[in-house]
Amino acid sequence: MSAKEMFEKLGYELVFENKEVLRYRKKHLDVEFWKVYELVTGEKRKKFIKVSTVYDKPYLISLDLLQAINKQIEELGWK
């Protein structure tokens, strides 16, 4: 099963995708995968995963969501 299928099974929808950002959303919760580049050289610098609510409240991640996140990391080649 692909990461997208895993997220969809959990009720998330892929709402945005480009070279730097991949965003899944479920109601008021976003899971984002970010690639941040050095502005001057254009080299890859860091990769981030951001899980956030619209209201900036703490959110507990289920093991199923963690597995979907790990699968997405694998598919992005971030390992």
Protein backbone atom coordinates (compact mmCIF):
# COMPACT_ATOMS: atom_id res chain seq x y z
CA MET A 1 0.00 0.00 0.00
CA SER A 2 1.33 3.45 -0.90
CA ALA A 3 1.68 6.33 1.57
CA LYS A 4 -1.13 8.20 -0.18
CA GLU A 5 -3.41 5.17 0.22
CA MET A 6 -2.43 4.89 3.89
CA PHE A 7 -3.26 8.56 4.50
CA GLU A 8 -6.55 8.21 2.61
CA LYS A 9 -7.48 5.17 4.70
CA LEU A 10 -7.00 7.38 7.79
CA GLY A 11 -9.29 10.05 6.32
CA TYR A 12 -6.61 12.43 4.99
CA GLU A 13 -6.67 14.07 1.57
CA LEU A 14 -3.64 15.19 -0.44
CA VAL A 15 -4.35 18.92 -0.76
CA PHE A 16 -1.05 20.35 -2.01
CA GLU A 17 2.05 19.01 -3.74
CA ASN A 18 5.04 20.62 -5.43
CA LYS A 19 8.83 20.10 -5.40
CA GLU A 20 9.24 21.48 -1.87
CA VAL A 21 5.98 20.72 -0.03
CA LEU A 22 3.59 17.80 0.29
CA ARG A 23 0.49 18.41 2.43
CA TYR A 24 -2.21 16.04 3.64
CA ARG A 25 -5.28 17.38 5.47
CA LYS A 26 -7.99 15.87 7.64
CA LYS A 27 -10.52 18.39 8.98
CA HIS A 28 -8.38 20.78 11.03
CA LEU A 29 -5.15 18.75 11.00
CA ASP A 30 -2.28 19.03 8.49
CA VAL A 31 0.65 16.71 7.94
CA GLU A 32 3.30 18.45 5.84
CA PHE A 33 6.59 17.28 4.36
CA TRP A 34 8.99 20.17 3.64
CA LYS A 35 12.30 20.34 1.77
CA VAL A 36 14.16 23.52 2.67
CA TYR A 37 16.94 24.71 0.35
CA GLU A 38 19.89 27.02 0.83
CA LEU A 39 18.82 30.23 -0.93
CA VAL A 40 22.23 31.16 -2.34
CA THR A 41 23.46 27.81 -3.64
CA GLY A 42 20.16 25.98 -4.08
CA GLU A 43 21.55 22.94 -2.26
CA LYS A 44 19.25 20.75 -0.20
CA ARG A 45 19.66 21.65 3.46
CA LYS A 46 17.02 20.12 5.67
CA LYS A 47 13.85 18.12 5.54
CA PHE A 48 10.99 18.64 7.97
CA ILE A 49 7.72 16.99 8.87
CA LYS A 50 5.16 19.27 10.43
CA VAL A 51 2.00 17.97 12.10
CA SER A 52 -0.21 20.84 13.15
CA THR A 53 -3.78 21.76 13.95
CA VAL A 54 -5.42 24.90 12.67
CA TYR A 55 -5.68 26.06 16.26
CA ASP A 56 -2.05 25.21 17.22
CA LYS A 57 -3.23 22.72 19.81
CA PRO A 58 -1.17 19.63 20.72
CA TYR A 59 -2.00 16.53 18.73
CA LEU A 60 -1.24 12.91 19.60
CA ILE A 61 -0.07 10.88 16.63
CA SER A 62 -1.54 7.39 16.28
CA LEU A 63 0.69 4.50 15.28
CA ASP A 64 -1.25 4.24 12.00
CA LEU A 65 -0.47 7.88 11.23
CA LEU A 66 3.17 7.35 12.17
CA GLN A 67 3.34 4.39 9.78
CA ALA A 68 1.87 6.51 6.98
CA ILE A 69 4.41 9.26 7.71
CA ASN A 70 7.27 6.74 7.67
CA LYS A 71 6.01 5.27 4.39
CA GLN A 72 5.88 8.76 2.85
CA ILE A 73 9.46 9.43 4.02
CA GLU A 74 10.54 6.19 2.36
CA GLU A 75 8.75 7.07 -0.90
CA LEU A 76 10.32 10.55 -0.92
CA GLY A 77 13.74 8.91 -0.57
CA TRP A 78 14.50 10.74 2.66
CA LYS A 79 16.04 7.72 4.40
